[in-house]
Amino acid sequence: MSIGGKIALFLGGTLFGSAGLKILSSKDARKVYTHTTAAVLRCKDEVMKQVEFVQESCSDILADAKQINADREKAAEAEYIEESAQA
């Protein structure tokens, strides 16, 4: 590629970049960014609510499972004592 072609490419890229920056910083683009960010924040809030719900459910399940195991252990202990008394 000749020097003239390289210069033309450089100038074209600079012009395209400058136009792109103006488009990206326009009022309309800013409005789109703002609305998109607001939607993402709403989505994040909903996800966090679901995460909290799942965490609470898991805590309840864990507590119930521990209670089941404690009840089984007591029943097994009582059965062992009863069998020992009969022997």
PDB file of N, CA and C in Angstrom:
ATOM      1  N   MET A   1       0.857  -1.170   0.000  1.00  0.00           N
ATOM      2  CA  MET A   1       0.000   0.000   0.000  1.00  0.00           C
ATOM      3  C   MET A   1       0.901   1.231   0.000  1.00  0.00           C
ATOM      4  N   SER A   2       0.527   2.191  -0.780  1.00  0.00           N
ATOM      5  CA  SER A   2       1.348   3.400  -0.918  1.00  0.00           C
ATOM      6  C   SER A   2       1.132   4.330   0.283  1.00  0.00           C
ATOM      7  N   ILE A   3       1.997   5.283   0.408  1.00  0.00           N
ATOM      8  CA  ILE A   3       1.916   6.257   1.495  1.00  0.00           C
ATOM      9  C   ILE A   3       0.617   7.052   1.382  1.00  0.00           C
ATOM     10  N   GLY A   4       0.226   7.389   0.164  1.00  0.00           N
ATOM     11  CA  GLY A   4      -1.030   8.128  -0.052  1.00  0.00           C
ATOM     12  C   GLY A   4      -2.230   7.326   0.415  1.00  0.00           C
ATOM     13  N   GLY A   5      -2.193   5.992   0.159  1.00  0.00           N
ATOM     14  CA  GLY A   5      -3.283   5.124   0.597  1.00  0.00           C
ATOM     15  C   GLY A   5      -3.340   5.025   2.110  1.00  0.00           C
ATOM     16  N   LYS A   6      -2.160   4.958   2.743  1.00  0.00           N
ATOM     17  CA  LYS A   6      -2.102   4.883   4.203  1.00  0.00           C
ATOM     18  C   LYS A   6      -2.629   6.171   4.835  1.00  0.00           C
ATOM     19  N   ILE A   7      -2.273   7.296   4.231  1.00  0.00           N
ATOM     20  CA  ILE A   7      -2.747   8.590   4.741  1.00  0.00           C
ATOM     21  C   ILE A   7      -4.260   8.683   4.589  1.00  0.00           C
ATOM     22  N   ALA A   8      -4.771   8.232   3.444  1.00  0.00           N
ATOM     23  CA  ALA A   8      -6.218   8.258   3.211  1.00  0.00           C
ATOM     24  C   ALA A   8      -6.933   7.375   4.226  1.00  0.00           C
ATOM     25  N   LEU A   9      -6.380   6.190   4.491  1.00  0.00           N
ATOM     26  CA  LEU A   9      -6.971   5.300   5.498  1.00  0.00           C
ATOM     27  C   LEU A   9      -6.945   5.946   6.881  1.00  0.00           C
ATOM     28  N   PHE A  10      -5.843   6.573   7.224  1.00  0.00           N
ATOM     29  CA  PHE A  10      -5.718   7.237   8.525  1.00  0.00           C
ATOM     30  C   PHE A  10      -6.753   8.352   8.657  1.00  0.00           C
ATOM     31  N   LEU A  11      -6.856   9.191   7.620  1.00  0.00           N
ATOM     32  CA  LEU A  11      -7.821  10.296   7.657  1.00  0.00           C
ATOM     33  C   LEU A  11      -9.256   9.779   7.695  1.00  0.00           C
ATOM     34  N   GLY A  12      -9.530   8.720   6.936  1.00  0.00           N
ATOM     35  CA  GLY A  12     -10.870   8.126   6.956  1.00  0.00           C
ATOM     36  C   GLY A  12     -11.210   7.568   8.331  1.00  0.00           C
ATOM     37  N   GLY A  13     -10.248   6.885   8.941  1.00  0.00           N
ATOM     38  CA  GLY A  13     -10.459   6.336  10.283  1.00  0.00           C
ATOM     39  C   GLY A  13     -10.676   7.418  11.318  1.00  0.00           C
ATOM     40  N   THR A  14      -9.900   8.498  11.210  1.00  0.00           N
ATOM     41  CA  THR A  14     -10.043   9.619  12.138  1.00  0.00           C
ATOM     42  C   THR A  14     -11.403  10.272  11.980  1.00  0.00           C
ATOM     43  N   LEU A  15     -11.822  10.478  10.737  1.00  0.00           N
ATOM     44  CA  LEU A  15     -13.125  11.083  10.472  1.00  0.00           C
ATOM     45  C   LEU A  15     -14.249  10.193  10.991  1.00  0.00           C
ATOM     46  N   PHE A  16     -14.156   8.886  10.707  1.00  0.00           N
ATOM     47  CA  PHE A  16     -15.172   7.939  11.168  1.00  0.00           C
ATOM     48  C   PHE A  16     -15.210   7.891  12.694  1.00  0.00           C
ATOM     49  N   GLY A  17     -14.035   7.908  13.329  1.00  0.00           N
ATOM     50  CA  GLY A  17     -13.963   7.898  14.789  1.00  0.00           C
ATOM     51  C   GLY A  17     -14.579   9.147  15.393  1.00  0.00           C
ATOM     52  N   SER A  18     -14.308  10.294  14.794  1.00  0.00           N
ATOM     53  CA  SER A  18     -14.870  11.552  15.303  1.00  0.00           C
ATOM     54  C   SER A  18     -16.389  11.554  15.163  1.00  0.00           C
ATOM     55  N   ALA A  19     -16.874  11.109  14.029  1.00  0.00           N
ATOM     56  CA  ALA A  19     -18.327  11.045  13.818  1.00  0.00           C
ATOM     57  C   ALA A  19     -18.951  10.058  14.802  1.00  0.00           C
ATOM     58  N   GLY A  20     -18.269   8.932  15.024  1.00  0.00           N
ATOM     59  CA  GLY A  20     -18.775   7.928  15.973  1.00  0.00           C
ATOM     60  C   GLY A  20     -18.872   8.486  17.379  1.00  0.00           C
ATOM     61  N   LEU A  21     -17.868   9.262  17.798  1.00  0.00           N
ATOM     62  CA  LEU A  21     -17.904   9.859  19.136  1.00  0.00           C
ATOM     63  C   LEU A  21     -19.058  10.841  19.263  1.00  0.00           C
ATOM     64  N   LYS A  22     -19.306  11.611  18.215  1.00  0.00           N
ATOM     65  CA  LYS A  22     -20.416  12.569  18.255  1.00  0.00           C
ATOM     66  C   LYS A  22     -21.745  11.825  18.366  1.00  0.00           C
ATOM     67  N   ILE A  23     -21.883  10.732  17.631  1.00  0.00           N
ATOM     68  CA  ILE A  23     -23.116   9.944  17.684  1.00  0.00           C
ATOM     69  C   ILE A  23     -23.291   9.337  19.070  1.00  0.00           C
ATOM     70  N   LEU A  24     -22.202   8.763  19.601  1.00  0.00           N
ATOM     71  CA  LEU A  24     -22.285   8.107  20.905  1.00  0.00           C
ATOM     72  C   LEU A  24     -22.535   9.088  22.044  1.00  0.00           C
ATOM     73  N   SER A  25     -22.157  10.345  21.882  1.00  0.00           N
ATOM     74  CA  SER A  25     -22.346  11.326  22.945  1.00  0.00           C
ATOM     75  C   SER A  25     -23.558  12.227  22.702  1.00  0.00           C
ATOM     76  N   SER A  26     -24.393  11.893  21.751  1.00  0.00           N
ATOM     77  CA  SER A  26     -25.572  12.712  21.456  1.00  0.00           C
ATOM     78  C   SER A  26     -26.628  12.543  22.549  1.00  0.00           C
ATOM     79  N   LYS A  27     -27.594  13.463  22.555  1.00  0.00           N
ATOM     80  CA  LYS A  27     -28.683  13.410  23.543  1.00  0.00           C
ATOM     81  C   LYS A  27     -29.478  12.117  23.408  1.00  0.00           C
ATOM     82  N   ASP A  28     -29.751  11.717  22.164  1.00  0.00           N
ATOM     83  CA  ASP A  28     -30.544  10.504  21.941  1.00  0.00           C
ATOM     84  C   ASP A  28     -29.802   9.264  22.455  1.00  0.00           C
ATOM     85  N   ALA A  29     -28.506   9.211  22.189  1.00  0.00           N
ATOM     86  CA  ALA A  29     -27.723   8.072  22.660  1.00  0.00           C
ATOM     87  C   ALA A  29     -27.688   8.058  24.181  1.00  0.00           C
ATOM     88  N   ARG A  30     -27.525   9.212  24.783  1.00  0.00           N
ATOM     89  CA  ARG A  30     -27.495   9.288  26.253  1.00  0.00           C
ATOM     90  C   ARG A  30     -28.828   8.803  26.846  1.00  0.00           C
ATOM     91  N   LYS A  31     -29.915   9.164  26.183  1.00  0.00           N
ATOM     92  CA  LYS A  31     -31.237   8.739  26.647  1.00  0.00           C
ATOM     93  C   LYS A  31     -31.348   7.204  26.577  1.00  0.00           C
ATOM     94  N   VAL A  32     -30.845   6.630  25.503  1.00  0.00           N
ATOM     95  CA  VAL A  32     -30.859   5.165  25.371  1.00  0.00           C
ATOM     96  C   VAL A  32     -30.015   4.529  26.462  1.00  0.00           C
ATOM     97  N   TYR A  33     -28.822   5.074  26.723  1.00  0.00           N
ATOM     98  CA  TYR A  33     -27.952   4.529  27.773  1.00  0.00           C
ATOM     99  C   TYR A  33     -28.639   4.605  29.128  1.00  0.00           C
ATOM    100  N   THR A  34     -29.305   5.719  29.382  1.00  0.00           N
ATOM    101  CA  THR A  34     -29.977   5.917  30.665  1.00  0.00           C
ATOM    102  C   THR A  34     -31.107   4.914  30.853  1.00  0.00           C
ATOM    103  N   HIS A  35     -31.926   4.741  29.821  1.00  0.00           N
ATOM    104  CA  HIS A  35     -33.041   3.793  29.916  1.00  0.00           C
ATOM    105  C   HIS A  35     -32.536   2.352  30.036  1.00  0.00           C
ATOM    106  N   THR A  36     -31.480   2.050  29.316  1.00  0.00           N
ATOM    107  CA  THR A  36     -30.906   0.701  29.392  1.00  0.00           C
ATOM    108  C   THR A  36     -30.348   0.438  30.784  1.00  0.00           C
ATOM    109  N   THR A  37     -29.663   1.403  31.337  1.00  0.00           N
ATOM    110  CA  THR A  37     -29.108   1.258  32.682  1.00  0.00           C
ATOM    111  C   THR A  37     -30.226   1.102  33.711  1.00  0.00           C
ATOM    112  N   ALA A  38     -31.287   1.861  33.566  1.00  0.00           N
ATOM    113  CA  ALA A  38     -32.429   1.748  34.484  1.00  0.00           C
ATOM    114  C   ALA A  38     -33.047   0.354  34.405  1.00  0.00           C
ATOM    115  N   ALA A  39     -33.166  -0.176  33.198  1.00  0.00           N
ATOM    116  CA  ALA A  39     -33.724  -1.525  33.029  1.00  0.00           C
ATOM    117  C   ALA A  39     -32.818  -2.576  33.672  1.00  0.00           C
ATOM    118  N   VAL A  40     -31.527  -2.410  33.507  1.00  0.00           N
ATOM    119  CA  VAL A  40     -30.579  -3.353  34.114  1.00  0.00           C
ATOM    120  C   VAL A  40     -30.680  -3.300  35.632  1.00  0.00           C
ATOM    121  N   LEU A  41     -30.816  -2.117  36.192  1.00  0.00           N
ATOM    122  CA  LEU A  41     -30.949  -1.983  37.649  1.00  0.00           C
ATOM    123  C   LEU A  41     -32.232  -2.632  38.153  1.00  0.00           C
ATOM    124  N   ARG A  42     -33.336  -2.469  37.403  1.00  0.00           N
ATOM    125  CA  ARG A  42     -34.592  -3.133  37.788  1.00  0.00           C
ATOM    126  C   ARG A  42     -34.434  -4.645  37.743  1.00  0.00           C
ATOM    127  N   CYS A  43     -33.772  -5.118  36.721  1.00  0.00           N
ATOM    128  CA  CYS A  43     -33.535  -6.560  36.579  1.00  0.00           C
ATOM    129  C   CYS A  43     -32.689  -7.074  37.745  1.00  0.00           C
ATOM    130  N   LYS A  44     -31.654  -6.317  38.100  1.00  0.00           N
ATOM    131  CA  LYS A  44     -30.790  -6.704  39.220  1.00  0.00           C
ATOM    132  C   LYS A  44     -31.596  -6.800  40.510  1.00  0.00           C
ATOM    133  N   ASP A  45     -32.494  -5.848  40.734  1.00  0.00           N
ATOM    134  CA  ASP A  45     -33.321  -5.869  41.934  1.00  0.00           C
ATOM    135  C   ASP A  45     -34.204  -7.114  41.976  1.00  0.00           C
ATOM    136  N   GLU A  46     -34.788  -7.472  40.845  1.00  0.00           N
ATOM    137  CA  GLU A  46     -35.632  -8.667  40.787  1.00  0.00           C
ATOM    138  C   GLU A  46     -34.814  -9.934  41.043  1.00  0.00           C
ATOM    139  N   VAL A  47     -33.636  -9.995  40.465  1.00  0.00           N
ATOM    140  CA  VAL A  47     -32.771 -11.160  40.668  1.00  0.00           C
ATOM    141  C   VAL A  47     -32.393 -11.277  42.139  1.00  0.00           C
ATOM    142  N   MET A  48     -32.074 -10.150  42.767  1.00  0.00           N
ATOM    143  CA  MET A  48     -31.692 -10.176  44.183  1.00  0.00           C
ATOM    144  C   MET A  48     -32.864 -10.622  45.062  1.00  0.00           C
ATOM    145  N   LYS A  49     -34.082 -10.233  44.717  1.00  0.00           N
ATOM    146  CA  LYS A  49     -35.257 -10.697  45.461  1.00  0.00           C
ATOM    147  C   LYS A  49     -35.381 -12.212  45.363  1.00  0.00           C
ATOM    148  N   GLN A  50     -35.175 -12.742  44.164  1.00  0.00           N
ATOM    149  CA  GLN A  50     -35.248 -14.190  43.973  1.00  0.00           C
ATOM    150  C   GLN A  50     -34.140 -14.915  44.744  1.00  0.00           C
ATOM    151  N   VAL A  51     -32.954 -14.332  44.751  1.00  0.00           N
ATOM    152  CA  VAL A  51     -31.835 -14.926  45.484  1.00  0.00           C
ATOM    153  C   VAL A  51     -32.152 -14.977  46.973  1.00  0.00           C
ATOM    154  N   GLU A  52     -32.700 -13.894  47.511  1.00  0.00           N
ATOM    155  CA  GLU A  52     -33.064 -13.868  48.927  1.00  0.00           C
ATOM    156  C   GLU A  52     -34.114 -14.932  49.235  1.00  0.00           C
ATOM    157  N   PHE A  53     -35.102 -15.080  48.350  1.00  0.00           N
ATOM    158  CA  PHE A  53     -36.152 -16.082  48.547  1.00  0.00           C
ATOM    159  C   PHE A  53     -35.559 -17.486  48.572  1.00  0.00           C
ATOM    160  N   VAL A  54     -34.658 -17.775  47.646  1.00  0.00           N
ATOM    161  CA  VAL A  54     -34.027 -19.094  47.591  1.00  0.00           C
ATOM    162  C   VAL A  54     -33.182 -19.327  48.840  1.00  0.00           C
ATOM    163  N   GLN A  55     -32.451 -18.315  49.285  1.00  0.00           N
ATOM    164  CA  GLN A  55     -31.631 -18.456  50.489  1.00  0.00           C
ATOM    165  C   GLN A  55     -32.498 -18.749  51.710  1.00  0.00           C
ATOM    166  N   GLU A  56     -33.619 -18.052  51.824  1.00  0.00           N
ATOM    167  CA  GLU A  56     -34.523 -18.298  52.946  1.00  0.00           C
ATOM    168  C   GLU A  56     -35.088 -19.706  52.875  1.00  0.00           C
ATOM    169  N   SER A  57     -35.450 -20.144  51.693  1.00  0.00           N
ATOM    170  CA  SER A  57     -35.978 -21.500  51.530  1.00  0.00           C
ATOM    171  C   SER A  57     -34.931 -22.536  51.900  1.00  0.00           C
ATOM    172  N   CYS A  58     -33.700 -22.306  51.490  1.00  0.00           N
ATOM    173  CA  CYS A  58     -32.619 -23.245  51.811  1.00  0.00           C
ATOM    174  C   CYS A  58     -32.375 -23.299  53.317  1.00  0.00           C
ATOM    175  N   SER A  59     -32.462 -22.162  53.976  1.00  0.00           N
ATOM    176  CA  SER A  59     -32.287 -22.137  55.428  1.00  0.00           C
ATOM    177  C   SER A  59     -33.380 -22.942  56.115  1.00  0.00           C
ATOM    178  N   ASP A  60     -34.620 -22.796  55.636  1.00  0.00           N
ATOM    179  CA  ASP A  60     -35.734 -23.555  56.206  1.00  0.00           C
ATOM    180  C   ASP A  60     -35.539 -25.054  55.980  1.00  0.00           C
ATOM    181  N   ILE A  61     -35.113 -25.414  54.787  1.00  0.00           N
ATOM    182  CA  ILE A  61     -34.890 -26.827  54.462  1.00  0.00           C
ATOM    183  C   ILE A  61     -33.790 -27.400  55.348  1.00  0.00           C
ATOM    184  N   LEU A  62     -32.717 -26.655  55.522  1.00  0.00           N
ATOM    185  CA  LEU A  62     -31.611 -27.110  56.355  1.00  0.00           C
ATOM    186  C   LEU A  62     -32.066 -27.303  57.799  1.00  0.00           C
ATOM    187  N   ALA A  63     -32.827 -26.358  58.326  1.00  0.00           N
ATOM    188  CA  ALA A  63     -33.331 -26.478  59.701  1.00  0.00           C
ATOM    189  C   ALA A  63     -34.235 -27.699  59.841  1.00  0.00           C
ATOM    190  N   ASP A  64     -35.116 -27.930  58.868  1.00  0.00           N
ATOM    191  CA  ASP A  64     -35.996 -29.101  58.907  1.00  0.00           C
ATOM    192  C   ASP A  64     -35.200 -30.392  58.835  1.00  0.00           C
ATOM    193  N   ALA A  65     -34.183 -30.432  57.979  1.00  0.00           N
ATOM    194  CA  ALA A  65     -33.358 -31.632  57.852  1.00  0.00           C
ATOM    195  C   ALA A  65     -32.614 -31.924  59.152  1.00  0.00           C
ATOM    196  N   LYS A  66     -32.092 -30.897  59.808  1.00  0.00           N
ATOM    197  CA  LYS A  66     -31.405 -31.098  61.090  1.00  0.00           C
ATOM    198  C   LYS A  66     -32.377 -31.628  62.145  1.00  0.00           C
ATOM    199  N   GLN A  67     -33.607 -31.116  62.132  1.00  0.00           N
ATOM    200  CA  GLN A  67     -34.613 -31.584  63.090  1.00  0.00           C
ATOM    201  C   GLN A  67     -34.972 -33.044  62.832  1.00  0.00           C
ATOM    202  N   ILE A  68     -35.100 -33.434  61.587  1.00  0.00           N
ATOM    203  CA  ILE A  68     -35.392 -34.824  61.235  1.00  0.00           C
ATOM    204  C   ILE A  68     -34.272 -35.733  61.749  1.00  0.00           C
ATOM    205  N   ASN A  69     -33.032 -35.331  61.523  1.00  0.00           N
ATOM    206  CA  ASN A  69     -31.911 -36.148  61.991  1.00  0.00           C
ATOM    207  C   ASN A  69     -31.870 -36.230  63.514  1.00  0.00           C
ATOM    208  N   ALA A  70     -32.163 -35.131  64.199  1.00  0.00           N
ATOM    209  CA  ALA A  70     -32.190 -35.144  65.665  1.00  0.00           C
ATOM    210  C   ALA A  70     -33.297 -36.065  66.168  1.00  0.00           C
ATOM    211  N   ASP A  71     -34.474 -36.017  65.532  1.00  0.00           N
ATOM    212  CA  ASP A  71     -35.586 -36.897  65.924  1.00  0.00           C
ATOM    213  C   ASP A  71     -35.236 -38.362  65.696  1.00  0.00           C
ATOM    214  N   ARG A  72     -34.597 -38.656  64.571  1.00  0.00           N
ATOM    215  CA  ARG A  72     -34.187 -40.044  64.292  1.00  0.00           C
ATOM    216  C   ARG A  72     -33.168 -40.533  65.311  1.00  0.00           C
ATOM    217  N   GLU A  73     -32.237 -39.646  65.663  1.00  0.00           N
ATOM    218  CA  GLU A  73     -31.214 -40.026  66.636  1.00  0.00           C
ATOM    219  C   GLU A  73     -31.852 -40.338  67.992  1.00  0.00           C
ATOM    220  N   LYS A  74     -32.820 -39.525  68.411  1.00  0.00           N
ATOM    221  CA  LYS A  74     -33.522 -39.768  69.679  1.00  0.00           C
ATOM    222  C   LYS A  74     -34.286 -41.082  69.622  1.00  0.00           C
ATOM    223  N   ALA A  75     -34.944 -41.341  68.486  1.00  0.00           N
ATOM    224  CA  ALA A  75     -35.711 -42.584  68.338  1.00  0.00           C
ATOM    225  C   ALA A  75     -34.780 -43.789  68.366  1.00  0.00           C
ATOM    226  N   ALA A  76     -33.647 -43.696  67.704  1.00  0.00           N
ATOM    227  CA  ALA A  76     -32.683 -44.797  67.689  1.00  0.00           C
ATOM    228  C   ALA A  76     -32.123 -45.025  69.094  1.00  0.00           C
ATOM    229  N   GLU A  77     -31.878 -43.950  69.825  1.00  0.00           N
ATOM    230  CA  GLU A  77     -31.369 -44.043  71.192  1.00  0.00           C
ATOM    231  C   GLU A  77     -32.400 -44.716  72.098  1.00  0.00           C
ATOM    232  N   ALA A  78     -33.657 -44.311  71.952  1.00  0.00           N
ATOM    233  CA  ALA A  78     -34.733 -44.893  72.766  1.00  0.00           C
ATOM    234  C   ALA A  78     -34.888 -46.372  72.437  1.00  0.00           C
ATOM    235  N   GLU A  79     -34.768 -46.734  71.164  1.00  0.00           N
ATOM    236  CA  GLU A  79     -34.880 -48.138  70.745  1.00  0.00           C
ATOM    237  C   GLU A  79     -33.730 -48.957  71.327  1.00  0.00           C
ATOM    238  N   TYR A  80     -32.551 -48.392  71.331  1.00  0.00           N
ATOM    239  CA  TYR A  80     -31.365 -49.086  71.868  1.00  0.00           C
ATOM    240  C   TYR A  80     -31.539 -49.313  73.383  1.00  0.00           C
ATOM    241  N   ILE A  81     -32.040 -48.302  74.066  1.00  0.00           N
ATOM    242  CA  ILE A  81     -32.261 -48.433  75.521  1.00  0.00           C
ATOM    243  C   ILE A  81     -33.317 -49.494  75.794  1.00  0.00           C
ATOM    244  N   GLU A  82     -34.379 -49.519  74.996  1.00  0.00           N
ATOM    245  CA  GLU A  82     -35.452 -50.506  75.157  1.00  0.00           C
ATOM    246  C   GLU A  82     -34.930 -51.912  74.901  1.00  0.00           C
ATOM    247  N   GLU A  83     -34.131 -52.082  73.847  1.00  0.00           N
ATOM    248  CA  GLU A  83     -33.570 -53.401  73.542  1.00  0.00           C
ATOM    249  C   GLU A  83     -32.602 -53.847  74.642  1.00  0.00           C
ATOM    250  N   SER A  84     -31.845 -52.913  75.180  1.00  0.00           N
ATOM    251  CA  SER A  84     -30.899 -53.236  76.248  1.00  0.00           C
ATOM    252  C   SER A  84     -31.648 -53.657  77.518  1.00  0.00           C
ATOM    253  N   ALA A  85     -32.776 -53.035  77.800  1.00  0.00           N
ATOM    254  CA  ALA A  85     -33.560 -53.348  78.985  1.00  0.00           C
ATOM    255  C   ALA A  85     -34.191 -54.730  78.869  1.00  0.00           C
ATOM    256  N   GLN A  86     -34.543 -55.147  77.653  1.00  0.00           N
ATOM    257  CA  GLN A  86     -35.179 -56.449  77.433  1.00  0.00           C
ATOM    258  C   GLN A  86     -34.144 -57.581  77.477  1.00  0.00           C
ATOM    259  N   ALA A  87     -32.904 -57.303  77.244  1.00  0.00           N
ATOM    260  CA  ALA A  87     -31.887 -58.348  77.189  1.00  0.00           C
ATOM    261  C   ALA A  87     -31.445 -58.783  78.525  1.00  0.00           C
TER     262      ALA A  87
END
